[in-house]
Amino acid sequence: MRHSSDTALVDIPTMRETVTKLLGPADGPGALTPAAEGLDLLTALLRGHLELLIPEVAEKAGQLPKDSIPRYCAEVCIGEAQGKLRATPGPGLSGAVAYARRLARALKTLCDHYEELGSEHR
C-alpha cells in the first residue's frame, strides 16, 4: 500500500528543471551540451526521477478504465521510459549526452502524463 508521504516525493518542478538542464527550454538542436563532469550527476538524477515517477504514473493510469486513451498513452510512455532505463549509453561523451537526452525526453513526457492524469502539482 502506498503512503501519502510517497507521493510527496514527486516534485514535478524539480524534475522539469533537471530536464531543462539537458534539453534547454525548447528541446531544440541548439541546446548546449552539458559539461562532462556534470553529465554523470544529471544522468543519475534523471534515472532517479524516472524510477520514482514511473510507478506513480502507472498507479494513476491504472485507476482509469482499461479502454481509456489517456491510460493507453501513459502505459506506452511508461514502457518507453523503462526501455530507456535498461539501455546503456553509446561510447564517448556524445553517446553519454545522447543517452541523457533520451532519458530527459522520457521524463518530460512522464511529467506531462502525471499532470494530465490529475495531481496536486498543476
Protein backbone atom coordinates (compact mmCIF):
# COMPACT_ATOMS: atom_id res chain seq x y z
CA MET A 1 0.00 0.00 0.00
CA ARG A 2 1.23 3.46 -0.90
CA HIS A 3 1.54 6.12 1.78
CA SER A 4 0.85 9.80 1.24
CA SER A 5 4.49 10.53 2.02
CA ASP A 6 5.47 8.53 -1.12
CA THR A 7 3.53 10.90 -3.34
CA ALA A 8 5.13 13.88 -1.61
CA LEU A 9 8.44 12.71 -3.07
CA VAL A 10 7.17 13.51 -6.58
CA ASP A 11 8.48 17.00 -7.25
CA ILE A 12 7.44 17.81 -10.81
CA PRO A 13 9.01 21.31 -10.88
CA THR A 14 12.40 19.88 -9.86
CA MET A 15 12.07 17.08 -12.41
CA ARG A 16 11.27 19.60 -15.14
CA GLU A 17 14.23 21.75 -14.08
CA THR A 18 16.53 18.74 -14.48
CA VAL A 19 15.06 18.09 -17.94
CA THR A 20 15.68 21.72 -18.95
CA LYS A 21 19.35 21.43 -17.98
CA LEU A 22 19.76 18.84 -20.73
CA LEU A 23 17.22 19.87 -23.33
CA GLY A 24 17.04 23.62 -22.92
CA PRO A 25 13.69 25.37 -22.80
CA ALA A 26 12.59 24.26 -26.28
CA ASP A 27 14.37 20.88 -26.69
CA GLY A 28 15.88 22.16 -29.91
CA PRO A 29 19.09 21.24 -31.67
CA GLY A 30 20.71 24.37 -30.24
CA ALA A 31 20.61 23.05 -26.67
CA LEU A 32 24.03 23.30 -25.08
CA THR A 33 25.96 20.14 -24.35
CA PRO A 34 26.40 19.72 -20.60
CA ALA A 35 29.93 19.66 -19.25
CA ALA A 36 31.36 16.15 -18.99
CA GLU A 37 31.89 16.42 -15.24
CA GLY A 38 28.24 17.30 -14.61
CA LEU A 39 26.77 14.81 -17.04
CA ASP A 40 27.09 11.78 -14.75
CA LEU A 41 25.21 13.61 -11.99
CA LEU A 42 22.47 14.79 -14.37
CA THR A 43 22.10 11.27 -15.76
CA ALA A 44 21.83 9.82 -12.26
CA LEU A 45 19.22 12.44 -11.35
CA LEU A 46 17.18 11.65 -14.46
CA ARG A 47 17.33 7.92 -13.72
CA GLY A 48 16.24 8.50 -10.13
CA HIS A 49 13.39 10.77 -11.19
CA LEU A 50 12.21 8.18 -13.72
CA GLU A 51 12.38 5.36 -11.19
CA LEU A 52 10.27 7.44 -8.80
CA LEU A 53 7.76 8.71 -11.35
CA ILE A 54 7.08 5.52 -13.33
CA PRO A 55 5.14 3.77 -10.53
CA GLU A 56 3.24 6.98 -9.73
CA VAL A 57 2.08 7.38 -13.33
CA ALA A 58 1.27 3.66 -13.50
CA GLU A 59 -0.88 3.95 -10.39
CA LYS A 60 -2.78 6.96 -11.75
CA ALA A 61 -3.23 5.32 -15.16
CA GLY A 62 -4.41 2.10 -13.52
CA GLN A 63 -7.33 3.98 -11.99
CA LEU A 64 -8.72 4.76 -15.45
CA PRO A 65 -10.91 2.37 -17.45
CA LYS A 66 -8.93 -0.24 -19.39
CA ASP A 67 -10.13 1.16 -22.73
CA SER A 68 -9.21 4.75 -21.83
CA ILE A 69 -6.98 6.53 -24.34
CA PRO A 70 -5.12 8.50 -21.62
CA ARG A 71 -4.42 5.21 -19.83
CA TYR A 72 -3.11 3.61 -23.01
CA CYS A 73 -0.88 6.61 -23.80
CA ALA A 74 0.53 6.68 -20.25
CA GLU A 75 1.24 2.94 -20.34
CA VAL A 76 3.07 3.29 -23.67
CA CYS A 77 5.14 6.13 -22.21
CA ILE A 78 5.95 4.01 -19.15
CA GLY A 79 7.15 1.18 -21.39
CA GLU A 80 9.32 3.60 -23.38
CA ALA A 81 10.82 5.04 -20.18
CA GLN A 82 11.54 1.58 -18.79
CA GLY A 83 13.28 0.66 -22.05
CA LYS A 84 15.44 3.77 -21.85
CA LEU A 85 16.37 2.92 -18.26
CA ARG A 86 17.50 -0.55 -19.39
CA ALA A 87 19.53 0.87 -22.29
CA THR A 88 23.16 1.89 -21.98
CA PRO A 89 24.87 4.99 -23.32
CA GLY A 90 26.86 4.87 -26.51
CA PRO A 91 30.63 5.39 -26.47
CA GLY A 92 32.23 8.68 -25.62
CA LEU A 93 30.81 11.99 -24.48
CA SER A 94 28.43 12.26 -27.44
CA GLY A 95 26.94 8.84 -26.61
CA ALA A 96 26.54 9.80 -22.95
CA VAL A 97 24.88 13.11 -23.87
CA ALA A 98 22.51 11.42 -26.34
CA TYR A 99 21.55 8.85 -23.69
CA ALA A 100 20.93 11.52 -21.06
CA ARG A 101 18.78 13.48 -23.51
CA ARG A 102 16.70 10.38 -24.25
CA LEU A 103 16.15 9.96 -20.51
CA ALA A 104 15.25 13.65 -20.25
CA ARG A 105 12.64 13.39 -23.02
CA ALA A 106 11.12 10.33 -21.37
CA LEU A 107 10.97 12.16 -18.03
CA LYS A 108 9.41 15.22 -19.63
CA THR A 109 6.67 13.08 -21.17
CA LEU A 110 6.05 11.23 -17.91
CA CYS A 111 5.73 14.56 -16.08
CA ASP A 112 3.11 15.58 -18.63
CA HIS A 113 1.18 12.34 -18.08
CA TYR A 114 1.43 12.70 -14.31
CA GLU A 115 -0.11 16.16 -14.50
CA GLU A 116 -2.71 15.19 -17.11
CA LEU A 117 -3.84 12.23 -15.03
CA GLY A 118 -4.53 14.56 -12.14
CA SER A 119 -2.20 15.79 -9.50
CA GLU A 120 -1.79 18.47 -6.91
CA HIS A 121 1.25 19.79 -8.80
CA ARG A 122 -0.73 21.55 -11.55
